[in-house]
PDB file of N, CA and C in Angstrom:
ATOM      1  N   MET A   1     140.627 104.339 155.894  1.00  0.00           N
ATOM      2  CA  MET A   1     140.599 105.624 155.224  1.00  0.00           C
ATOM      3  C   MET A   1     140.391 105.411 153.724  1.00  0.00           C
ATOM      4  N   THR A   2     139.511 106.206 153.149  1.00  0.00           N
ATOM      5  CA  THR A   2     139.231 106.118 151.730  1.00  0.00           C
ATOM      6  C   THR A   2     140.279 106.887 150.937  1.00  0.00           C
ATOM      7  N   VAL A   3     140.727 106.282 149.856  1.00  0.00           N
ATOM      8  CA  VAL A   3     141.688 106.940 148.981  1.00  0.00           C
ATOM      9  C   VAL A   3     140.963 108.037 148.202  1.00  0.00           C
ATOM     10  N   PRO A   4     141.489 109.265 148.184  1.00  0.00           N
ATOM     11  CA  PRO A   4     140.794 110.351 147.472  1.00  0.00           C
ATOM     12  C   PRO A   4     140.812 110.140 145.965  1.00  0.00           C
ATOM     13  N   ARG A   5     139.715 110.541 145.324  1.00  0.00           N
ATOM     14  CA  ARG A   5     139.649 110.512 143.869  1.00  0.00           C
ATOM     15  C   ARG A   5     140.018 111.894 143.346  1.00  0.00           C
ATOM     16  N   TRP A   6     140.484 111.953 142.141  1.00  0.00           N
ATOM     17  CA  TRP A   6     140.884 113.220 141.537  1.00  0.00           C
ATOM     18  C   TRP A   6     139.864 113.636 140.487  1.00  0.00           C
ATOM     19  N   ILE A   7     139.619 114.931 140.396  1.00  0.00           N
ATOM     20  CA  ILE A   7     138.683 115.513 139.448  1.00  0.00           C
ATOM     21  C   ILE A   7     139.478 116.283 138.392  1.00  0.00           C
ATOM     22  N   ILE A   8     139.124 116.104 137.136  1.00  0.00           N
ATOM     23  CA  ILE A   8     139.736 116.866 136.050  1.00  0.00           C
ATOM     24  C   ILE A   8     138.773 117.982 135.666  1.00  0.00           C
ATOM     25  N   HIS A   9     139.193 119.215 135.799  1.00  0.00           N
ATOM     26  CA  HIS A   9     138.386 120.364 135.385  1.00  0.00           C
ATOM     27  C   HIS A   9     138.866 120.742 133.986  1.00  0.00           C
ATOM     28  N   LEU A  10     137.973 120.646 133.025  1.00  0.00           N
ATOM     29  CA  LEU A  10     138.340 120.850 131.631  1.00  0.00           C
ATOM     30  C   LEU A  10     137.572 122.047 131.061  1.00  0.00           C
ATOM     31  N   PRO A  11     138.141 123.237 131.100  1.00  0.00           N
ATOM     32  CA  PRO A  11     137.454 124.411 130.571  1.00  0.00           C
ATOM     33  C   PRO A  11     137.210 124.282 129.062  1.00  0.00           C
ATOM     34  N   THR A  12     136.130 124.897 128.593  1.00  0.00           N
ATOM     35  CA  THR A  12     135.806 124.903 127.171  1.00  0.00           C
ATOM     36  C   THR A  12     135.572 126.343 126.722  1.00  0.00           C
ATOM     37  N   THR A  13     135.365 126.510 125.435  1.00  0.00           N
ATOM     38  CA  THR A  13     135.009 127.821 124.893  1.00  0.00           C
ATOM     39  C   THR A  13     133.509 127.919 124.663  1.00  0.00           C
ATOM     40  N   LEU A  14     132.751 126.923 125.103  1.00  0.00           N
ATOM     41  CA  LEU A  14     131.298 126.905 124.912  1.00  0.00           C
ATOM     42  C   LEU A  14     130.639 127.960 125.789  1.00  0.00           C
ATOM     43  N   THR A  15     129.508 128.505 125.323  1.00  0.00           N
ATOM     44  CA  THR A  15     128.864 129.591 126.055  1.00  0.00           C
ATOM     45  C   THR A  15     127.455 129.251 126.535  1.00  0.00           C
ATOM     46  N   GLY A  16     127.031 127.990 126.395  1.00  0.00           N
ATOM     47  CA  GLY A  16     125.694 127.617 126.843  1.00  0.00           C
ATOM     48  C   GLY A  16     125.678 126.266 127.526  1.00  0.00           C
ATOM     49  N   LEU A  17     124.753 126.103 128.469  1.00  0.00           N
ATOM     50  CA  LEU A  17     124.624 124.857 129.219  1.00  0.00           C
ATOM     51  C   LEU A  17     124.297 123.683 128.296  1.00  0.00           C
ATOM     52  N   ASP A  18     123.384 123.873 127.347  1.00  0.00           N
ATOM     53  CA  ASP A  18     123.024 122.782 126.440  1.00  0.00           C
ATOM     54  C   ASP A  18     124.206 122.340 125.592  1.00  0.00           C
ATOM     55  N   ALA A  19     124.984 123.283 125.108  1.00  0.00           N
ATOM     56  CA  ALA A  19     126.163 122.943 124.309  1.00  0.00           C
ATOM     57  C   ALA A  19     127.190 122.187 125.146  1.00  0.00           C
ATOM     58  N   ALA A  20     127.361 122.601 126.387  1.00  0.00           N
ATOM     59  CA  ALA A  20     128.301 121.908 127.277  1.00  0.00           C
ATOM     60  C   ALA A  20     127.813 120.491 127.567  1.00  0.00           C
ATOM     61  N   ALA A  21     126.504 120.314 127.745  1.00  0.00           N
ATOM     62  CA  ALA A  21     125.945 118.979 127.978  1.00  0.00           C
ATOM     63  C   ALA A  21     126.134 118.100 126.748  1.00  0.00           C
ATOM     64  N   GLU A  22     125.985 118.652 125.549  1.00  0.00           N
ATOM     65  CA  GLU A  22     126.207 117.885 124.321  1.00  0.00           C
ATOM     66  C   GLU A  22     127.653 117.434 124.224  1.00  0.00           C
ATOM     67  N   LEU A  23     128.584 118.290 124.612  1.00  0.00           N
ATOM     68  CA  LEU A  23     129.993 117.902 124.615  1.00  0.00           C
ATOM     69  C   LEU A  23     130.237 116.792 125.627  1.00  0.00           C
ATOM     70  N   ALA A  24     129.630 116.899 126.806  1.00  0.00           N
ATOM     71  CA  ALA A  24     129.778 115.847 127.821  1.00  0.00           C
ATOM     72  C   ALA A  24     129.258 114.522 127.284  1.00  0.00           C
ATOM     73  N   PHE A  25     128.133 114.551 126.563  1.00  0.00           N
ATOM     74  CA  PHE A  25     127.589 113.338 125.959  1.00  0.00           C
ATOM     75  C   PHE A  25     128.570 112.759 124.945  1.00  0.00           C
ATOM     76  N   ALA A  26     129.128 113.596 124.085  1.00  0.00           N
ATOM     77  CA  ALA A  26     130.082 113.133 123.077  1.00  0.00           C
ATOM     78  C   ALA A  26     131.327 112.527 123.732  1.00  0.00           C
ATOM     79  N   LEU A  27     131.787 113.145 124.812  1.00  0.00           N
ATOM     80  CA  LEU A  27     132.944 112.599 125.526  1.00  0.00           C
ATOM     81  C   LEU A  27     132.617 111.248 126.152  1.00  0.00           C
ATOM     82  N   ARG A  28     131.399 111.116 126.725  1.00  0.00           N
ATOM     83  CA  ARG A  28     130.996 109.833 127.309  1.00  0.00           C
ATOM     84  C   ARG A  28     130.945 108.756 126.236  1.00  0.00           C
ATOM     85  N   GLU A  29     130.420 109.095 125.063  1.00  0.00           N
ATOM     86  CA  GLU A  29     130.324 108.120 123.981  1.00  0.00           C
ATOM     87  C   GLU A  29     131.690 107.706 123.459  1.00  0.00           C
ATOM     88  N   SER A  30     132.628 108.635 123.379  1.00  0.00           N
ATOM     89  CA  SER A  30     133.932 108.306 122.820  1.00  0.00           C
ATOM     90  C   SER A  30     134.926 107.773 123.843  1.00  0.00           C
ATOM     91  N   LEU A  31     134.772 108.133 125.113  1.00  0.00           N
ATOM     92  CA  LEU A  31     135.736 107.724 126.137  1.00  0.00           C
ATOM     93  C   LEU A  31     135.132 106.830 127.223  1.00  0.00           C
ATOM     94  N   GLY A  32     133.873 106.444 127.056  1.00  0.00           N
ATOM     95  CA  GLY A  32     133.182 105.658 128.072  1.00  0.00           C
ATOM     96  C   GLY A  32     133.795 104.290 128.344  1.00  0.00           C
ATOM     97  N   HIS A  33     134.631 103.816 127.457  1.00  0.00           N
ATOM     98  CA  HIS A  33     135.275 102.504 127.641  1.00  0.00           C
ATOM     99  C   HIS A  33     136.449 102.551 128.624  1.00  0.00           C
ATOM    100  N   ILE A  34     136.831 103.738 129.061  1.00  0.00           N
ATOM    101  CA  ILE A  34     137.965 103.881 129.981  1.00  0.00           C
ATOM    102  C   ILE A  34     137.444 103.770 131.416  1.00  0.00           C
ATOM    103  N   PRO A  35     137.800 102.698 132.132  1.00  0.00           N
ATOM    104  CA  PRO A  35     137.251 102.460 133.473  1.00  0.00           C
ATOM    105  C   PRO A  35     137.582 103.549 134.496  1.00  0.00           C
ATOM    106  N   ALA A  36     138.638 104.301 134.286  1.00  0.00           N
ATOM    107  CA  ALA A  36     139.034 105.332 135.254  1.00  0.00           C
ATOM    108  C   ALA A  36     138.126 106.560 135.198  1.00  0.00           C
ATOM    109  N   LEU A  37     137.281 106.662 134.174  1.00  0.00           N
ATOM    110  CA  LEU A  37     136.395 107.818 134.031  1.00  0.00           C
ATOM    111  C   LEU A  37     135.003 107.473 134.539  1.00  0.00           C
ATOM    112  N   ASP A  38     134.452 108.328 135.408  1.00  0.00           N
ATOM    113  CA  ASP A  38     133.124 108.127 135.988  1.00  0.00           C
ATOM    114  C   ASP A  38     132.189 109.193 135.438  1.00  0.00           C
ATOM    115  N   PHE A  39     131.642 108.950 134.253  1.00  0.00           N
ATOM    116  CA  PHE A  39     130.801 109.946 133.598  1.00  0.00           C
ATOM    117  C   PHE A  39     129.486 110.169 134.330  1.00  0.00           C
ATOM    118  N   GLY A  40     129.039 109.224 135.125  1.00  0.00           N
ATOM    119  CA  GLY A  40     127.796 109.394 135.863  1.00  0.00           C
ATOM    120  C   GLY A  40     127.832 110.558 136.825  1.00  0.00           C
ATOM    121  N   GLU A  41     129.004 110.932 137.261  1.00  0.00           N
ATOM    122  CA  GLU A  41     129.165 112.032 138.215  1.00  0.00           C
ATOM    123  C   GLU A  41     129.477 113.359 137.526  1.00  0.00           C
ATOM    124  N   THR A  42     129.327 113.433 136.218  1.00  0.00           N
ATOM    125  CA  THR A  42     129.671 114.642 135.476  1.00  0.00           C
ATOM    126  C   THR A  42     128.772 115.808 135.872  1.00  0.00           C
ATOM    127  N   THR A  43     129.398 116.940 136.140  1.00  0.00           N
ATOM    128  CA  THR A  43     128.666 118.179 136.411  1.00  0.00           C
ATOM    129  C   THR A  43     129.229 119.284 135.520  1.00  0.00           C
ATOM    130  N   LEU A  44     128.417 120.306 135.303  1.00  0.00           N
ATOM    131  CA  LEU A  44     128.829 121.452 134.496  1.00  0.00           C
ATOM    132  C   LEU A  44     128.679 122.716 135.335  1.00  0.00           C
ATOM    133  N   SER A  45     129.537 123.689 135.087  1.00  0.00           N
ATOM    134  CA  SER A  45     129.424 124.971 135.789  1.00  0.00           C
ATOM    135  C   SER A  45     129.945 126.078 134.893  1.00  0.00           C
ATOM    136  N   GLU A  46     129.481 127.295 135.161  1.00  0.00           N
ATOM    137  CA  GLU A  46     130.025 128.459 134.471  1.00  0.00           C
ATOM    138  C   GLU A  46     131.428 128.711 134.997  1.00  0.00           C
ATOM    139  N   GLU A  47     132.263 129.258 134.147  1.00  0.00           N
ATOM    140  CA  GLU A  47     133.667 129.492 134.496  1.00  0.00           C
ATOM    141  C   GLU A  47     133.824 130.280 135.794  1.00  0.00           C
ATOM    142  N   ASP A  48     133.045 131.318 135.961  1.00  0.00           N
ATOM    143  CA  ASP A  48     133.195 132.173 137.140  1.00  0.00           C
ATOM    144  C   ASP A  48     132.231 131.815 138.266  1.00  0.00           C
ATOM    145  N   ARG A  49     131.480 130.727 138.108  1.00  0.00           N
ATOM    146  CA  ARG A  49     130.540 130.285 139.155  1.00  0.00           C
ATOM    147  C   ARG A  49     130.673 128.762 139.335  1.00  0.00           C
ATOM    148  N   GLN A  50     131.905 128.306 139.558  1.00  0.00           N
ATOM    149  CA  GLN A  50     132.163 126.875 139.643  1.00  0.00           C
ATOM    150  C   GLN A  50     131.532 126.232 140.865  1.00  0.00           C
ATOM    151  N   HIS A  51     131.120 127.020 141.832  1.00  0.00           N
ATOM    152  CA  HIS A  51     130.442 126.482 143.015  1.00  0.00           C
ATOM    153  C   HIS A  51     129.006 126.067 142.684  1.00  0.00           C
ATOM    154  N   LEU A  52     128.443 126.550 141.584  1.00  0.00           N
ATOM    155  CA  LEU A  52     127.083 126.223 141.163  1.00  0.00           C
ATOM    156  C   LEU A  52     127.165 125.203 140.033  1.00  0.00           C
ATOM    157  N   ARG A  53     126.951 123.948 140.364  1.00  0.00           N
ATOM    158  CA  ARG A  53     127.134 122.857 139.398  1.00  0.00           C
ATOM    159  C   ARG A  53     125.804 122.272 138.962  1.00  0.00           C
ATOM    160  N   HIS A  54     125.757 121.845 137.710  1.00  0.00           N
ATOM    161  CA  HIS A  54     124.571 121.225 137.119  1.00  0.00           C
ATOM    162  C   HIS A  54     124.912 119.775 136.763  1.00  0.00           C
ATOM    163  N   ARG A  55     124.164 118.824 137.322  1.00  0.00           N
ATOM    164  CA  ARG A  55     124.369 117.411 136.979  1.00  0.00           C
ATOM    165  C   ARG A  55     123.971 117.194 135.529  1.00  0.00           C
ATOM    166  N   VAL A  56     124.673 116.324 134.829  1.00  0.00           N
ATOM    167  CA  VAL A  56     124.358 116.034 133.431  1.00  0.00           C
ATOM    168  C   VAL A  56     123.419 114.837 133.341  1.00  0.00           C
ATOM    169  N   TRP A  57     123.722 113.758 134.057  1.00  0.00           N
ATOM    170  CA  TRP A  57     122.929 112.540 133.965  1.00  0.00           C
ATOM    171  C   TRP A  57     122.270 112.186 135.284  1.00  0.00           C
ATOM    172  N   CYS A  58     121.172 111.465 135.199  1.00  0.00           N
ATOM    173  CA  CYS A  58     120.409 111.018 136.368  1.00  0.00           C
ATOM    174  C   CYS A  58     121.289 110.132 137.258  1.00  0.00           C
ATOM    175  N   ASP A  59     121.901 109.124 136.683  1.00  0.00           N
ATOM    176  CA  ASP A  59     122.843 108.225 137.358  1.00  0.00           C
ATOM    177  C   ASP A  59     122.221 107.396 138.483  1.00  0.00           C
ATOM    178  N   ALA A  60     120.892 107.255 138.509  1.00  0.00           N
ATOM    179  CA  ALA A  60     120.239 106.426 139.535  1.00  0.00           C
ATOM    180  C   ALA A  60     120.636 104.961 139.344  1.00  0.00           C
ATOM    181  N   ARG A  61     120.759 104.249 140.434  1.00  0.00           N
ATOM    182  CA  ARG A  61     121.104 102.823 140.362  1.00  0.00           C
ATOM    183  C   ARG A  61     119.935 102.009 139.810  1.00  0.00           C
ATOM    184  N   LEU A  62     120.274 101.090 138.893  1.00  0.00           N
ATOM    185  CA  LEU A  62     119.296 100.197 138.290  1.00  0.00           C
ATOM    186  C   LEU A  62     119.646  98.760 138.666  1.00  0.00           C
ATOM    187  N   ASP A  63     118.781  97.828 138.317  1.00  0.00           N
ATOM    188  CA  ASP A  63     119.062  96.412 138.561  1.00  0.00           C
ATOM    189  C   ASP A  63     120.366  96.006 137.879  1.00  0.00           C
ATOM    190  N   GLY A  64     121.058  95.075 138.474  1.00  0.00           N
ATOM    191  CA  GLY A  64     122.292  94.565 137.889  1.00  0.00           C
ATOM    192  C   GLY A  64     123.486  95.481 138.049  1.00  0.00           C
ATOM    193  N   GLY A  65     123.389  96.480 138.931  1.00  0.00           N
ATOM    194  CA  GLY A  65     124.515  97.361 139.180  1.00  0.00           C
ATOM    195  C   GLY A  65     124.712  98.444 138.134  1.00  0.00           C
ATOM    196  N   ARG A  66     123.819  98.516 137.155  1.00  0.00           N
ATOM    197  CA  ARG A  66     123.942  99.558 136.131  1.00  0.00           C
ATOM    198  C   ARG A  66     123.385 100.872 136.659  1.00  0.00           C
ATOM    199  N   ARG A  67     123.581 101.929 135.894  1.00  0.00           N
ATOM    200  CA  ARG A  67     123.080 103.244 136.274  1.00  0.00           C
ATOM    201  C   ARG A  67     122.300 103.860 135.116  1.00  0.00           C
ATOM    202  N   CYS A  68     121.365 104.722 135.459  1.00  0.00           N
ATOM    203  CA  CYS A  68     120.563 105.413 134.456  1.00  0.00           C
ATOM    204  C   CYS A  68     121.469 106.328 133.627  1.00  0.00           C
ATOM    205  N   ARG A  69     121.310 106.262 132.315  1.00  0.00           N
ATOM    206  CA  ARG A  69     122.125 107.074 131.409  1.00  0.00           C
ATOM    207  C   ARG A  69     121.335 108.232 130.803  1.00  0.00           C
ATOM    208  N   LEU A  70     120.135 108.496 131.313  1.00  0.00           N
ATOM    209  CA  LEU A  70     119.324 109.585 130.793  1.00  0.00           C
ATOM    210  C   LEU A  70     119.706 110.908 131.452  1.00  0.00           C
ATOM    211  N   ARG A  71     119.316 112.004 130.836  1.00  0.00           N
ATOM    212  CA  ARG A  71     119.618 113.333 131.378  1.00  0.00           C
ATOM    213  C   ARG A  71     119.033 113.499 132.774  1.00  0.00           C
ATOM    214  N   ASP A  72     119.708 114.244 133.618  1.00  0.00           N
ATOM    215  CA  ASP A  72     119.209 114.545 134.951  1.00  0.00           C
ATOM    216  C   ASP A  72     117.866 115.262 134.826  1.00  0.00           C
ATOM    217  N   GLY A  73     116.897 114.886 135.635  1.00  0.00           N
ATOM    218  CA  GLY A  73     115.586 115.496 135.602  1.00  0.00           C
ATOM    219  C   GLY A  73     114.684 114.946 134.507  1.00  0.00           C
ATOM    220  N   HIS A  74     115.049 113.810 133.907  1.00  0.00           N
ATOM    221  CA  HIS A  74     114.245 113.246 132.814  1.00  0.00           C
ATOM    222  C   HIS A  74     112.855 112.847 133.299  1.00  0.00           C
ATOM    223  N   SER A  75     111.931 112.758 132.372  1.00  0.00           N
ATOM    224  CA  SER A  75     110.589 112.280 132.719  1.00  0.00           C
ATOM    225  C   SER A  75     110.524 110.787 132.437  1.00  0.00           C
ATOM    226  N   GLY A  76     109.590 110.112 133.087  1.00  0.00           N
ATOM    227  CA  GLY A  76     109.446 108.672 132.873  1.00  0.00           C
ATOM    228  C   GLY A  76     110.446 107.848 133.645  1.00  0.00           C
ATOM    229  N   SER A  77     110.486 106.576 133.308  1.00  0.00           N
ATOM    230  CA  SER A  77     111.346 105.615 134.017  1.00  0.00           C
ATOM    231  C   SER A  77     112.810 105.782 133.626  1.00  0.00           C
ATOM    232  N   CYS A  78     113.669 105.410 134.554  1.00  0.00           N
ATOM    233  CA  CYS A  78     115.110 105.420 134.292  1.00  0.00           C
ATOM    234  C   CYS A  78     115.450 104.318 133.291  1.00  0.00           C
ATOM    235  N   GLY A  79     116.552 104.502 132.579  1.00  0.00           N
ATOM    236  CA  GLY A  79     116.996 103.514 131.593  1.00  0.00           C
ATOM    237  C   GLY A  79     118.495 103.572 131.375  1.00  0.00           C
ATOM    238  N   THR A  80     118.990 102.588 130.654  1.00  0.00           N
ATOM    239  CA  THR A  80     120.430 102.502 130.409  1.00  0.00           C
ATOM    240  C   THR A  80     120.813 103.009 129.029  1.00  0.00           C
ATOM    241  N   THR A  81     119.833 103.408 128.225  1.00  0.00           N
ATOM    242  CA  THR A  81     120.143 104.008 126.944  1.00  0.00           C
ATOM    243  C   THR A  81     119.624 105.422 126.957  1.00  0.00           C
ATOM    244  N   GLY A  82     120.248 106.237 126.237  1.00  0.00           N
ATOM    245  CA  GLY A  82     119.792 107.613 126.187  1.00  0.00           C
ATOM    246  C   GLY A  82     120.854 108.517 125.653  1.00  0.00           C
ATOM    247  N   GLU A  83     120.430 109.554 125.023  1.00  0.00           N
ATOM    248  CA  GLU A  83     121.343 110.527 124.464  1.00  0.00           C
ATOM    249  C   GLU A  83     121.248 111.789 125.273  1.00  0.00           C
ATOM    250  N   GLY A  84     122.402 112.431 125.373  1.00  0.00           N
ATOM    251  CA  GLY A  84     122.510 113.710 126.009  1.00  0.00           C
ATOM    252  C   GLY A  84     121.422 114.191 126.784  1.00  0.00           C
TER     253      GLY A  84
END
């Protein structure tokens, strides 16, 4: 049996998807060193439509066990560097 993981839902006062994605990027940059946080699985949703989630990062697997750090839906090849 797999041990369940816990999700932290962190409401904000932001009113736009782009602003929320920028905050997610800033949090990844400042807290990315904490192994318990899985920023690759970050999703965003409106407060009253939490069932409709938007992925923030591509998170595709790359060589060496790394993951793509570019925005979800990016053009071109996946990479390990990238901003919001």
